[in-house]
Amino acid sequence: MAESFFAGKAGKDRLVLESQQTEFMMLALDGPKVFGGRIPRDAHIQMFITDEIFNIRHKLLGDSLNEAGVPEHPRERWLSVDEEIRRAIVKESPDQCRGRYRSDPIIIVPKPDA
């Protein structure tokens, strides 16, 4: 699933995306203000992200935080911030998507297998 969203992402590799996510969460969790990226709505405008896809990602995030041994309070705060992002990036239809630039395709990922 993630490969479909991030493959060929305007030359951005996984490390850059991880760095941007880290900087965004540091800002959201009252850490250093070093994030210089786009707000979630604008950063994901070309991606058709459904509630189902968001739920899978959110669960994987929670599992990863647990596996990393993050204590309950910061883990729950992180997941709460992540949940707040839902309304900014989840869309009901591909018609709600648009390219950030004229050359950006709309990215639609098939439903995950049950």
PDB file of N, CA and C in Angstrom:
ATOM      1  N   MET A   1       0.823  -1.192   0.000  1.00  0.00           N
ATOM      2  CA  MET A   1       0.000   0.000   0.000  1.00  0.00           C
ATOM      3  C   MET A   1       0.866   1.254   0.000  1.00  0.00           C
ATOM      4  N   ALA A   2       1.783   1.379   0.952  1.00  0.00           N
ATOM      5  CA  ALA A   2       2.607   2.587   1.048  1.00  0.00           C
ATOM      6  C   ALA A   2       3.424   2.803  -0.212  1.00  0.00           C
ATOM      7  N   GLU A   3       3.881   1.710  -0.815  1.00  0.00           N
ATOM      8  CA  GLU A   3       4.672   1.849  -2.033  1.00  0.00           C
ATOM      9  C   GLU A   3       3.869   2.572  -3.108  1.00  0.00           C
ATOM     10  N   SER A   4       2.551   2.317  -3.171  1.00  0.00           N
ATOM     11  CA  SER A   4       1.711   2.961  -4.178  1.00  0.00           C
ATOM     12  C   SER A   4       1.609   4.462  -3.940  1.00  0.00           C
ATOM     13  N   PHE A   5       1.542   4.883  -2.690  1.00  0.00           N
ATOM     14  CA  PHE A   5       1.435   6.302  -2.391  1.00  0.00           C
ATOM     15  C   PHE A   5       2.747   7.030  -2.610  1.00  0.00           C
ATOM     16  N   PHE A   6       3.861   6.391  -2.319  1.00  0.00           N
ATOM     17  CA  PHE A   6       5.122   7.110  -2.298  1.00  0.00           C
ATOM     18  C   PHE A   6       6.066   6.784  -3.447  1.00  0.00           C
ATOM     19  N   ALA A   7       5.709   5.854  -4.299  1.00  0.00           N
ATOM     20  CA  ALA A   7       6.554   5.530  -5.444  1.00  0.00           C
ATOM     21  C   ALA A   7       6.610   6.731  -6.391  1.00  0.00           C
ATOM     22  N   GLY A   8       7.810   7.073  -6.828  1.00  0.00           N
ATOM     23  CA  GLY A   8       7.969   8.157  -7.795  1.00  0.00           C
ATOM     24  C   GLY A   8       7.515   9.504  -7.263  1.00  0.00           C
ATOM     25  N   LYS A   9       7.627   9.735  -6.002  1.00  0.00           N
ATOM     26  CA  LYS A   9       7.109  10.927  -5.338  1.00  0.00           C
ATOM     27  C   LYS A   9       8.025  12.124  -5.564  1.00  0.00           C
ATOM     28  N   ALA A  10       8.045  12.638  -6.768  1.00  0.00           N
ATOM     29  CA  ALA A  10       8.793  13.858  -7.099  1.00  0.00           C
ATOM     30  C   ALA A  10      10.224  13.818  -6.568  1.00  0.00           C
ATOM     31  N   GLY A  11      10.878  12.640  -6.670  1.00  0.00           N
ATOM     32  CA  GLY A  11      12.264  12.518  -6.260  1.00  0.00           C
ATOM     33  C   GLY A  11      12.466  12.395  -4.770  1.00  0.00           C
ATOM     34  N   LYS A  12      11.408  12.349  -3.987  1.00  0.00           N
ATOM     35  CA  LYS A  12      11.549  12.242  -2.535  1.00  0.00           C
ATOM     36  C   LYS A  12      11.711  10.768  -2.168  1.00  0.00           C
ATOM     37  N   ASP A  13      12.733  10.510  -1.408  1.00  0.00           N
ATOM     38  CA  ASP A  13      12.908   9.134  -0.979  1.00  0.00           C
ATOM     39  C   ASP A  13      12.360   8.954   0.433  1.00  0.00           C
ATOM     40  N   ARG A  14      12.387   7.739   0.888  1.00  0.00           N
ATOM     41  CA  ARG A  14      11.809   7.392   2.183  1.00  0.00           C
ATOM     42  C   ARG A  14      12.427   8.200   3.328  1.00  0.00           C
ATOM     43  N   LEU A  15      13.729   8.404   3.307  1.00  0.00           N
ATOM     44  CA  LEU A  15      14.378   9.140   4.394  1.00  0.00           C
ATOM     45  C   LEU A  15      13.888  10.580   4.484  1.00  0.00           C
ATOM     46  N   VAL A  16      13.667  11.215   3.339  1.00  0.00           N
ATOM     47  CA  VAL A  16      13.154  12.583   3.332  1.00  0.00           C
ATOM     48  C   VAL A  16      11.739  12.611   3.911  1.00  0.00           C
ATOM     49  N   LEU A  17      10.907  11.665   3.481  1.00  0.00           N
ATOM     50  CA  LEU A  17       9.536  11.611   3.985  1.00  0.00           C
ATOM     51  C   LEU A  17       9.504  11.329   5.483  1.00  0.00           C
ATOM     52  N   GLU A  18      10.375  10.435   5.941  1.00  0.00           N
ATOM     53  CA  GLU A  18      10.448  10.142   7.374  1.00  0.00           C
ATOM     54  C   GLU A  18      10.899  11.371   8.153  1.00  0.00           C
ATOM     55  N   SER A  19      11.843  12.100   7.605  1.00  0.00           N
ATOM     56  CA  SER A  19      12.328  13.317   8.255  1.00  0.00           C
ATOM     57  C   SER A  19      11.209  14.356   8.351  1.00  0.00           C
ATOM     58  N   GLN A  20      10.455  14.539   7.273  1.00  0.00           N
ATOM     59  CA  GLN A  20       9.350  15.498   7.287  1.00  0.00           C
ATOM     60  C   GLN A  20       8.289  15.089   8.309  1.00  0.00           C
ATOM     61  N   GLN A  21       7.977  13.794   8.366  1.00  0.00           N
ATOM     62  CA  GLN A  21       6.989  13.310   9.328  1.00  0.00           C
ATOM     63  C   GLN A  21       7.481  13.552  10.752  1.00  0.00           C
ATOM     64  N   THR A  22       8.756  13.285  10.998  1.00  0.00           N
ATOM     65  CA  THR A  22       9.331  13.496  12.331  1.00  0.00           C
ATOM     66  C   THR A  22       9.265  14.968  12.721  1.00  0.00           C
ATOM     67  N   GLU A  23       9.653  15.849  11.800  1.00  0.00           N
ATOM     68  CA  GLU A  23       9.631  17.284  12.085  1.00  0.00           C
ATOM     69  C   GLU A  23       8.207  17.783  12.321  1.00  0.00           C
ATOM     70  N   PHE A  24       7.258  17.266  11.541  1.00  0.00           N
ATOM     71  CA  PHE A  24       5.863  17.662  11.720  1.00  0.00           C
ATOM     72  C   PHE A  24       5.364  17.234  13.104  1.00  0.00           C
ATOM     73  N   MET A  25       5.650  15.991  13.496  1.00  0.00           N
ATOM     74  CA  MET A  25       5.172  15.510  14.792  1.00  0.00           C
ATOM     75  C   MET A  25       5.876  16.220  15.939  1.00  0.00           C
ATOM     76  N   MET A  26       7.147  16.580  15.775  1.00  0.00           N
ATOM     77  CA  MET A  26       7.840  17.357  16.804  1.00  0.00           C
ATOM     78  C   MET A  26       7.111  18.684  17.019  1.00  0.00           C
ATOM     79  N   LEU A  27       6.741  19.333  15.919  1.00  0.00           N
ATOM     80  CA  LEU A  27       6.004  20.594  16.000  1.00  0.00           C
ATOM     81  C   LEU A  27       4.651  20.372  16.663  1.00  0.00           C
ATOM     82  N   ALA A  28       3.921  19.352  16.222  1.00  0.00           N
ATOM     83  CA  ALA A  28       2.587  19.071  16.751  1.00  0.00           C
ATOM     84  C   ALA A  28       2.612  18.709  18.232  1.00  0.00           C
ATOM     85  N   LEU A  29       3.720  18.144  18.696  1.00  0.00           N
ATOM     86  CA  LEU A  29       3.834  17.723  20.093  1.00  0.00           C
ATOM     87  C   LEU A  29       4.622  18.743  20.920  1.00  0.00           C
ATOM     88  N   ASP A  30       4.644  19.984  20.454  1.00  0.00           N
ATOM     89  CA  ASP A  30       5.268  21.100  21.180  1.00  0.00           C
ATOM     90  C   ASP A  30       6.783  20.997  21.284  1.00  0.00           C
ATOM     91  N   GLY A  31       7.399  20.345  20.312  1.00  0.00           N
ATOM     92  CA  GLY A  31       8.854  20.271  20.276  1.00  0.00           C
ATOM     93  C   GLY A  31       9.428  21.410  19.466  1.00  0.00           C
ATOM     94  N   PRO A  32      10.679  21.270  19.050  1.00  0.00           N
ATOM     95  CA  PRO A  32      11.329  22.320  18.248  1.00  0.00           C
ATOM     96  C   PRO A  32      10.540  22.624  16.971  1.00  0.00           C
ATOM     97  N   LYS A  33      10.508  23.885  16.610  1.00  0.00           N
ATOM     98  CA  LYS A  33       9.765  24.348  15.437  1.00  0.00           C
ATOM     99  C   LYS A  33      10.674  24.352  14.212  1.00  0.00           C
ATOM    100  N   VAL A  34      10.960  23.168  13.678  1.00  0.00           N
ATOM    101  CA  VAL A  34      11.846  23.054  12.522  1.00  0.00           C
ATOM    102  C   VAL A  34      11.111  22.587  11.267  1.00  0.00           C
ATOM    103  N   PHE A  35       9.818  22.315  11.371  1.00  0.00           N
ATOM    104  CA  PHE A  35       9.051  21.811  10.236  1.00  0.00           C
ATOM    105  C   PHE A  35       8.847  22.913   9.212  1.00  0.00           C
ATOM    106  N   GLY A  36       9.224  22.640   7.965  1.00  0.00           N
ATOM    107  CA  GLY A  36       9.056  23.613   6.904  1.00  0.00           C
ATOM    108  C   GLY A  36       8.223  23.079   5.755  1.00  0.00           C
ATOM    109  N   GLY A  37       7.536  21.969   5.985  1.00  0.00           N
ATOM    110  CA  GLY A  37       6.751  21.345   4.925  1.00  0.00           C
ATOM    111  C   GLY A  37       5.344  21.915   4.829  1.00  0.00           C
ATOM    112  N   ARG A  38       4.536  21.230   4.046  1.00  0.00           N
ATOM    113  CA  ARG A  38       3.144  21.636   3.832  1.00  0.00           C
ATOM    114  C   ARG A  38       2.255  21.089   4.946  1.00  0.00           C
ATOM    115  N   ILE A  39       1.161  21.784   5.202  1.00  0.00           N
ATOM    116  CA  ILE A  39       0.188  21.265   6.155  1.00  0.00           C
ATOM    117  C   ILE A  39      -0.405  19.979   5.572  1.00  0.00           C
ATOM    118  N   PRO A  40      -0.902  19.074   6.417  1.00  0.00           N
ATOM    119  CA  PRO A  40      -1.368  17.772   5.926  1.00  0.00           C
ATOM    120  C   PRO A  40      -2.361  17.846   4.767  1.00  0.00           C
ATOM    121  N   ARG A  41      -3.342  18.743   4.823  1.00  0.00           N
ATOM    122  CA  ARG A  41      -4.324  18.839   3.737  1.00  0.00           C
ATOM    123  C   ARG A  41      -3.648  19.105   2.395  1.00  0.00           C
ATOM    124  N   ASP A  42      -2.722  20.042   2.377  1.00  0.00           N
ATOM    125  CA  ASP A  42      -2.047  20.401   1.130  1.00  0.00           C
ATOM    126  C   ASP A  42      -1.032  19.347   0.697  1.00  0.00           C
ATOM    127  N   ALA A  43      -0.393  18.697   1.653  1.00  0.00           N
ATOM    128  CA  ALA A  43       0.611  17.684   1.329  1.00  0.00           C
ATOM    129  C   ALA A  43      -0.015  16.413   0.751  1.00  0.00           C
ATOM    130  N   HIS A  44      -1.308  16.197   1.014  1.00  0.00           N
ATOM    131  CA  HIS A  44      -1.969  14.955   0.592  1.00  0.00           C
ATOM    132  C   HIS A  44      -3.119  15.197  -0.383  1.00  0.00           C
ATOM    133  N   ILE A  45      -3.193  16.396  -0.957  1.00  0.00           N
ATOM    134  CA  ILE A  45      -4.332  16.774  -1.793  1.00  0.00           C
ATOM    135  C   ILE A  45      -4.482  15.885  -3.035  1.00  0.00           C
ATOM    136  N   GLN A  46      -3.386  15.321  -3.519  1.00  0.00           N
ATOM    137  CA  GLN A  46      -3.448  14.496  -4.725  1.00  0.00           C
ATOM    138  C   GLN A  46      -3.658  13.009  -4.415  1.00  0.00           C
ATOM    139  N   MET A  47      -3.789  12.660  -3.129  1.00  0.00           N
ATOM    140  CA  MET A  47      -3.924  11.259  -2.722  1.00  0.00           C
ATOM    141  C   MET A  47      -5.351  10.962  -2.292  1.00  0.00           C
ATOM    142  N   PHE A  48      -5.931   9.943  -2.889  1.00  0.00           N
ATOM    143  CA  PHE A  48      -7.258   9.487  -2.469  1.00  0.00           C
ATOM    144  C   PHE A  48      -7.059   8.547  -1.286  1.00  0.00           C
ATOM    145  N   ILE A  49      -7.179   9.108  -0.092  1.00  0.00           N
ATOM    146  CA  ILE A  49      -7.004   8.367   1.155  1.00  0.00           C
ATOM    147  C   ILE A  49      -8.387   8.180   1.768  1.00  0.00           C
ATOM    148  N   THR A  50      -8.797   6.927   1.899  1.00  0.00           N
ATOM    149  CA  THR A  50     -10.100   6.602   2.477  1.00  0.00           C
ATOM    150  C   THR A  50      -9.966   6.403   3.983  1.00  0.00           C
ATOM    151  N   ASP A  51     -11.096   6.354   4.662  1.00  0.00           N
ATOM    152  CA  ASP A  51     -11.087   6.032   6.093  1.00  0.00           C
ATOM    153  C   ASP A  51     -10.431   4.679   6.326  1.00  0.00           C
ATOM    154  N   GLU A  52     -10.715   3.720   5.453  1.00  0.00           N
ATOM    155  CA  GLU A  52     -10.143   2.380   5.600  1.00  0.00           C
ATOM    156  C   GLU A  52      -8.613   2.420   5.558  1.00  0.00           C
ATOM    157  N   ILE A  53      -8.065   3.133   4.599  1.00  0.00           N
ATOM    158  CA  ILE A  53      -6.611   3.249   4.487  1.00  0.00           C
ATOM    159  C   ILE A  53      -6.048   3.994   5.701  1.00  0.00           C
ATOM    160  N   PHE A  54      -6.713   5.069   6.115  1.00  0.00           N
ATOM    161  CA  PHE A  54      -6.252   5.811   7.281  1.00  0.00           C
ATOM    162  C   PHE A  54      -6.266   4.914   8.523  1.00  0.00           C
ATOM    163  N   ASN A  55      -7.321   4.121   8.694  1.00  0.00           N
ATOM    164  CA  ASN A  55      -7.416   3.227   9.853  1.00  0.00           C
ATOM    165  C   ASN A  55      -6.268   2.226   9.890  1.00  0.00           C
ATOM    166  N   ILE A  56      -5.920   1.676   8.736  1.00  0.00           N
ATOM    167  CA  ILE A  56      -4.806   0.721   8.670  1.00  0.00           C
ATOM    168  C   ILE A  56      -3.509   1.416   9.077  1.00  0.00           C
ATOM    169  N   ARG A  57      -3.267   2.591   8.524  1.00  0.00           N
ATOM    170  CA  ARG A  57      -2.056   3.340   8.857  1.00  0.00           C
ATOM    171  C   ARG A  57      -2.019   3.700  10.334  1.00  0.00           C
ATOM    172  N   HIS A  58      -3.149   4.143  10.867  1.00  0.00           N
ATOM    173  CA  HIS A  58      -3.229   4.537  12.276  1.00  0.00           C
ATOM    174  C   HIS A  58      -2.931   3.339  13.191  1.00  0.00           C
ATOM    175  N   LYS A  59      -3.463   2.175  12.842  1.00  0.00           N
ATOM    176  CA  LYS A  59      -3.193   0.970  13.638  1.00  0.00           C
ATOM    177  C   LYS A  59      -1.716   0.589  13.563  1.00  0.00           C
ATOM    178  N   LEU A  60      -1.140   0.666  12.375  1.00  0.00           N
ATOM    179  CA  LEU A  60       0.293   0.365  12.223  1.00  0.00           C
ATOM    180  C   LEU A  60       1.144   1.334  13.044  1.00  0.00           C
ATOM    181  N   LEU A  61       0.751   2.595  13.076  1.00  0.00           N
ATOM    182  CA  LEU A  61       1.462   3.582  13.878  1.00  0.00           C
ATOM    183  C   LEU A  61       1.400   3.199  15.355  1.00  0.00           C
ATOM    184  N   GLY A  62       0.200   2.872  15.844  1.00  0.00           N
ATOM    185  CA  GLY A  62       0.049   2.472  17.242  1.00  0.00           C
ATOM    186  C   GLY A  62       0.861   1.236  17.573  1.00  0.00           C
ATOM    187  N   ASP A  63       0.825   0.249  16.678  1.00  0.00           N
ATOM    188  CA  ASP A  63       1.610  -0.973  16.878  1.00  0.00           C
ATOM    189  C   ASP A  63       3.105  -0.655  16.927  1.00  0.00           C
ATOM    190  N   SER A  64       3.548   0.234  16.049  1.00  0.00           N
ATOM    191  CA  SER A  64       4.969   0.610  16.001  1.00  0.00           C
ATOM    192  C   SER A  64       5.397   1.340  17.271  1.00  0.00           C
ATOM    193  N   LEU A  65       4.549   2.232  17.756  1.00  0.00           N
ATOM    194  CA  LEU A  65       4.865   2.957  18.991  1.00  0.00           C
ATOM    195  C   LEU A  65       4.934   1.993  20.173  1.00  0.00           C
ATOM    196  N   ASN A  66       4.018   1.036  20.209  1.00  0.00           N
ATOM    197  CA  ASN A  66       4.055   0.009  21.263  1.00  0.00           C
ATOM    198  C   ASN A  66       5.334  -0.811  21.171  1.00  0.00           C
ATOM    199  N   GLU A  67       5.651  -1.255  19.958  1.00  0.00           N
ATOM    200  CA  GLU A  67       6.843  -2.084  19.742  1.00  0.00           C
ATOM    201  C   GLU A  67       8.116  -1.327  20.126  1.00  0.00           C
ATOM    202  N   ALA A  68       8.124  -0.019  19.894  1.00  0.00           N
ATOM    203  CA  ALA A  68       9.297   0.797  20.228  1.00  0.00           C
ATOM    204  C   ALA A  68       9.369   1.115  21.724  1.00  0.00           C
ATOM    205  N   GLY A  69       8.340   0.721  22.472  1.00  0.00           N
ATOM    206  CA  GLY A  69       8.357   0.942  23.911  1.00  0.00           C
ATOM    207  C   GLY A  69       8.028   2.364  24.329  1.00  0.00           C
ATOM    208  N   VAL A  70       7.327   3.107  23.475  1.00  0.00           N
ATOM    209  CA  VAL A  70       6.950   4.473  23.824  1.00  0.00           C
ATOM    210  C   VAL A  70       5.948   4.405  24.985  1.00  0.00           C
ATOM    211  N   PRO A  71       6.198   5.140  26.057  1.00  0.00           N
ATOM    212  CA  PRO A  71       5.289   5.117  27.207  1.00  0.00           C
ATOM    213  C   PRO A  71       3.862   5.553  26.836  1.00  0.00           C
ATOM    214  N   GLU A  72       2.911   5.161  27.653  1.00  0.00           N
ATOM    215  CA  GLU A  72       1.495   5.359  27.344  1.00  0.00           C
ATOM    216  C   GLU A  72       1.118   6.815  27.059  1.00  0.00           C
ATOM    217  N   HIS A  73       1.517   7.752  27.914  1.00  0.00           N
ATOM    218  CA  HIS A  73       1.088   9.147  27.726  1.00  0.00           C
ATOM    219  C   HIS A  73       1.562   9.729  26.386  1.00  0.00           C
ATOM    220  N   PRO A  74       2.863   9.678  26.076  1.00  0.00           N
ATOM    221  CA  PRO A  74       3.263  10.228  24.764  1.00  0.00           C
ATOM    222  C   PRO A  74       2.697   9.423  23.591  1.00  0.00           C
ATOM    223  N   ARG A  75       2.542   8.115  23.764  1.00  0.00           N
ATOM    224  CA  ARG A  75       1.963   7.295  22.683  1.00  0.00           C
ATOM    225  C   ARG A  75       0.530   7.734  22.403  1.00  0.00           C
ATOM    226  N   GLU A  76      -0.268   7.906  23.457  1.00  0.00           N
ATOM    227  CA  GLU A  76      -1.663   8.317  23.281  1.00  0.00           C
ATOM    228  C   GLU A  76      -1.755   9.736  22.719  1.00  0.00           C
ATOM    229  N   ARG A  77      -0.869  10.605  23.127  1.00  0.00           N
ATOM    230  CA  ARG A  77      -0.859  11.975  22.594  1.00  0.00           C
ATOM    231  C   ARG A  77      -0.524  11.963  21.103  1.00  0.00           C
ATOM    232  N   TRP A  78       0.489  11.157  20.730  1.00  0.00           N
ATOM    233  CA  TRP A  78       0.888  11.037  19.324  1.00  0.00           C
ATOM    234  C   TRP A  78      -0.294  10.523  18.499  1.00  0.00           C
ATOM    235  N   LEU A  79      -0.952   9.473  18.996  1.00  0.00           N
ATOM    236  CA  LEU A  79      -2.086   8.896  18.267  1.00  0.00           C
ATOM    237  C   LEU A  79      -3.256   9.880  18.184  1.00  0.00           C
ATOM    238  N   SER A  80      -3.418  10.708  19.203  1.00  0.00           N
ATOM    239  CA  SER A  80      -4.466  11.719  19.189  1.00  0.00           C
ATOM    240  C   SER A  80      -4.189  12.768  18.107  1.00  0.00           C
ATOM    241  N   VAL A  81      -2.947  13.229  18.016  1.00  0.00           N
ATOM    242  CA  VAL A  81      -2.570  14.184  16.966  1.00  0.00           C
ATOM    243  C   VAL A  81      -2.777  13.546  15.602  1.00  0.00           C
ATOM    244  N   ASP A  82      -2.364  12.294  15.460  1.00  0.00           N
ATOM    245  CA  ASP A  82      -2.547  11.583  14.202  1.00  0.00           C
ATOM    246  C   ASP A  82      -4.028  11.514  13.831  1.00  0.00           C
ATOM    247  N   GLU A  83      -4.878  11.236  14.803  1.00  0.00           N
ATOM    248  CA  GLU A  83      -6.321  11.146  14.550  1.00  0.00           C
ATOM    249  C   GLU A  83      -6.889  12.497  14.120  1.00  0.00           C
ATOM    250  N   GLU A  84      -6.365  13.591  14.657  1.00  0.00           N
ATOM    251  CA  GLU A  84      -6.829  14.923  14.265  1.00  0.00           C
ATOM    252  C   GLU A  84      -6.547  15.218  12.787  1.00  0.00           C
ATOM    253  N   ILE A  85      -5.545  14.566  12.243  1.00  0.00           N
ATOM    254  CA  ILE A  85      -5.170  14.777  10.839  1.00  0.00           C
ATOM    255  C   ILE A  85      -6.177  14.128   9.894  1.00  0.00           C
ATOM    256  N   ARG A  86      -6.916  13.146  10.395  1.00  0.00           N
ATOM    257  CA  ARG A  86      -7.861  12.383   9.562  1.00  0.00           C
ATOM    258  C   ARG A  86      -8.742  13.302   8.715  1.00  0.00           C
ATOM    259  N   ARG A  87      -9.387  14.272   9.337  1.00  0.00           N
ATOM    260  CA  ARG A  87     -10.345  15.104   8.592  1.00  0.00           C
ATOM    261  C   ARG A  87      -9.674  15.959   7.512  1.00  0.00           C
ATOM    262  N   ALA A  88      -8.372  16.159   7.633  1.00  0.00           N
ATOM    263  CA  ALA A  88      -7.655  16.962   6.639  1.00  0.00           C
ATOM    264  C   ALA A  88      -7.235  16.146   5.420  1.00  0.00           C
ATOM    265  N   ILE A  89      -7.094  14.823   5.573  1.00  0.00           N
ATOM    266  CA  ILE A  89      -6.542  14.053   4.451  1.00  0.00           C
ATOM    267  C   ILE A  89      -7.466  12.970   3.900  1.00  0.00           C
ATOM    268  N   VAL A  90      -8.477  12.542   4.677  1.00  0.00           N
ATOM    269  CA  VAL A  90      -9.395  11.509   4.192  1.00  0.00           C
ATOM    270  C   VAL A  90     -10.395  12.140   3.233  1.00  0.00           C
ATOM    271  N   LYS A  91     -10.641  11.435   2.150  1.00  0.00           N
ATOM    272  CA  LYS A  91     -11.584  11.927   1.143  1.00  0.00           C
ATOM    273  C   LYS A  91     -12.635  10.850   0.863  1.00  0.00           C
ATOM    274  N   GLU A  92     -13.819  11.293   0.489  1.00  0.00           N
ATOM    275  CA  GLU A  92     -14.905  10.361   0.182  1.00  0.00           C
ATOM    276  C   GLU A  92     -14.867   9.890  -1.256  1.00  0.00           C
ATOM    277  N   SER A  93     -14.197  10.648  -2.124  1.00  0.00           N
ATOM    278  CA  SER A  93     -14.168  10.303  -3.539  1.00  0.00           C
ATOM    279  C   SER A  93     -12.907  10.882  -4.177  1.00  0.00           C
ATOM    280  N   PRO A  94     -12.432  10.236  -5.251  1.00  0.00           N
ATOM    281  CA  PRO A  94     -11.275  10.790  -5.977  1.00  0.00           C
ATOM    282  C   PRO A  94     -11.550  12.187  -6.531  1.00  0.00           C
ATOM    283  N   ASP A  95     -12.822  12.540  -6.672  1.00  0.00           N
ATOM    284  CA  ASP A  95     -13.179  13.869  -7.175  1.00  0.00           C
ATOM    285  C   ASP A  95     -12.723  14.983  -6.230  1.00  0.00           C
ATOM    286  N   GLN A  96     -12.443  14.632  -4.976  1.00  0.00           N
ATOM    287  CA  GLN A  96     -11.972  15.614  -4.000  1.00  0.00           C
ATOM    288  C   GLN A  96     -10.457  15.819  -4.087  1.00  0.00           C
ATOM    289  N   CYS A  97      -9.797  15.076  -4.951  1.00  0.00           N
ATOM    290  CA  CYS A  97      -8.347  15.177  -5.121  1.00  0.00           C
ATOM    291  C   CYS A  97      -8.023  16.139  -6.256  1.00  0.00           C
ATOM    292  N   ARG A  98      -6.832  16.704  -6.185  1.00  0.00           N
ATOM    293  CA  ARG A  98      -6.301  17.489  -7.303  1.00  0.00           C
ATOM    294  C   ARG A  98      -4.783  17.464  -7.183  1.00  0.00           C
ATOM    295  N   GLY A  99      -4.119  17.628  -8.303  1.00  0.00           N
ATOM    296  CA  GLY A  99      -2.668  17.655  -8.278  1.00  0.00           C
ATOM    297  C   GLY A  99      -2.162  18.903  -7.573  1.00  0.00           C
ATOM    298  N   ARG A 100      -1.071  18.756  -6.838  1.00  0.00           N
ATOM    299  CA  ARG A 100      -0.459  19.928  -6.216  1.00  0.00           C
ATOM    300  C   ARG A 100       0.133  20.818  -7.291  1.00  0.00           C
ATOM    301  N   TYR A 101       0.634  20.182  -8.327  1.00  0.00           N
ATOM    302  CA  TYR A 101       1.163  20.864  -9.505  1.00  0.00           C
ATOM    303  C   TYR A 101       0.422  20.294 -10.703  1.00  0.00           C
ATOM    304  N   ARG A 102       0.463  20.979 -11.804  1.00  0.00           N
ATOM    305  CA  ARG A 102      -0.246  20.507 -13.011  1.00  0.00           C
ATOM    306  C   ARG A 102       0.202  19.113 -13.439  1.00  0.00           C
ATOM    307  N   SER A 103       1.461  18.793 -13.186  1.00  0.00           N
ATOM    308  CA  SER A 103       1.990  17.502 -13.637  1.00  0.00           C
ATOM    309  C   SER A 103       1.731  16.360 -12.644  1.00  0.00           C
ATOM    310  N   ASP A 104       1.207  16.656 -11.465  1.00  0.00           N
ATOM    311  CA  ASP A 104       0.957  15.615 -10.460  1.00  0.00           C
ATOM    312  C   ASP A 104      -0.264  14.786 -10.826  1.00  0.00           C
ATOM    313  N   PRO A 105      -0.098  13.477 -10.856  1.00  0.00           N
ATOM    314  CA  PRO A 105      -1.271  12.622 -11.064  1.00  0.00           C
ATOM    315  C   PRO A 105      -2.050  12.480  -9.760  1.00  0.00           C
ATOM    316  N   ILE A 106      -3.315  12.125  -9.865  1.00  0.00           N
ATOM    317  CA  ILE A 106      -4.109  11.774  -8.694  1.00  0.00           C
ATOM    318  C   ILE A 106      -3.730  10.335  -8.347  1.00  0.00           C
ATOM    319  N   ILE A 107      -3.414  10.099  -7.091  1.00  0.00           N
ATOM    320  CA  ILE A 107      -2.968   8.778  -6.664  1.00  0.00           C
ATOM    321  C   ILE A 107      -4.126   8.067  -5.985  1.00  0.00           C
ATOM    322  N   ILE A 108      -4.550   6.971  -6.591  1.00  0.00           N
ATOM    323  CA  ILE A 108      -5.639   6.164  -6.055  1.00  0.00           C
ATOM    324  C   ILE A 108      -5.086   4.778  -5.768  1.00  0.00           C
ATOM    325  N   VAL A 109      -5.176   4.375  -4.521  1.00  0.00           N
ATOM    326  CA  VAL A 109      -4.696   3.057  -4.129  1.00  0.00           C
ATOM    327  C   VAL A 109      -5.895   2.142  -4.002  1.00  0.00           C
ATOM    328  N   PRO A 110      -5.805   0.945  -4.593  1.00  0.00           N
ATOM    329  CA  PRO A 110      -6.931  -0.001  -4.459  1.00  0.00           C
ATOM    330  C   PRO A 110      -7.158  -0.366  -3.002  1.00  0.00           C
ATOM    331  N   LYS A 111      -8.399  -0.747  -2.703  1.00  0.00           N
ATOM    332  CA  LYS A 111      -8.725  -1.201  -1.347  1.00  0.00           C
ATOM    333  C   LYS A 111      -7.808  -2.350  -0.968  1.00  0.00           C
ATOM    334  N   PRO A 112      -7.334  -2.352   0.279  1.00  0.00           N
ATOM    335  CA  PRO A 112      -6.503  -3.476   0.733  1.00  0.00           C
ATOM    336  C   PRO A 112      -7.329  -4.764   0.719  1.00  0.00           C
ATOM    337  N   ASP A 113      -6.642  -5.879   0.474  1.00  0.00           N
ATOM    338  CA  ASP A 113      -7.326  -7.174   0.518  1.00  0.00           C
ATOM    339  C   ASP A 113      -7.806  -7.451   1.927  1.00  0.00           C
ATOM    340  N   ALA A 114      -8.979  -8.021   2.008  1.00  0.00           N
ATOM    341  CA  ALA A 114      -9.544  -8.336   3.338  1.00  0.00           C
ATOM    342  C   ALA A 114      -8.867  -9.557   3.920  1.00  0.00           C
TER     343      ALA A 114
END
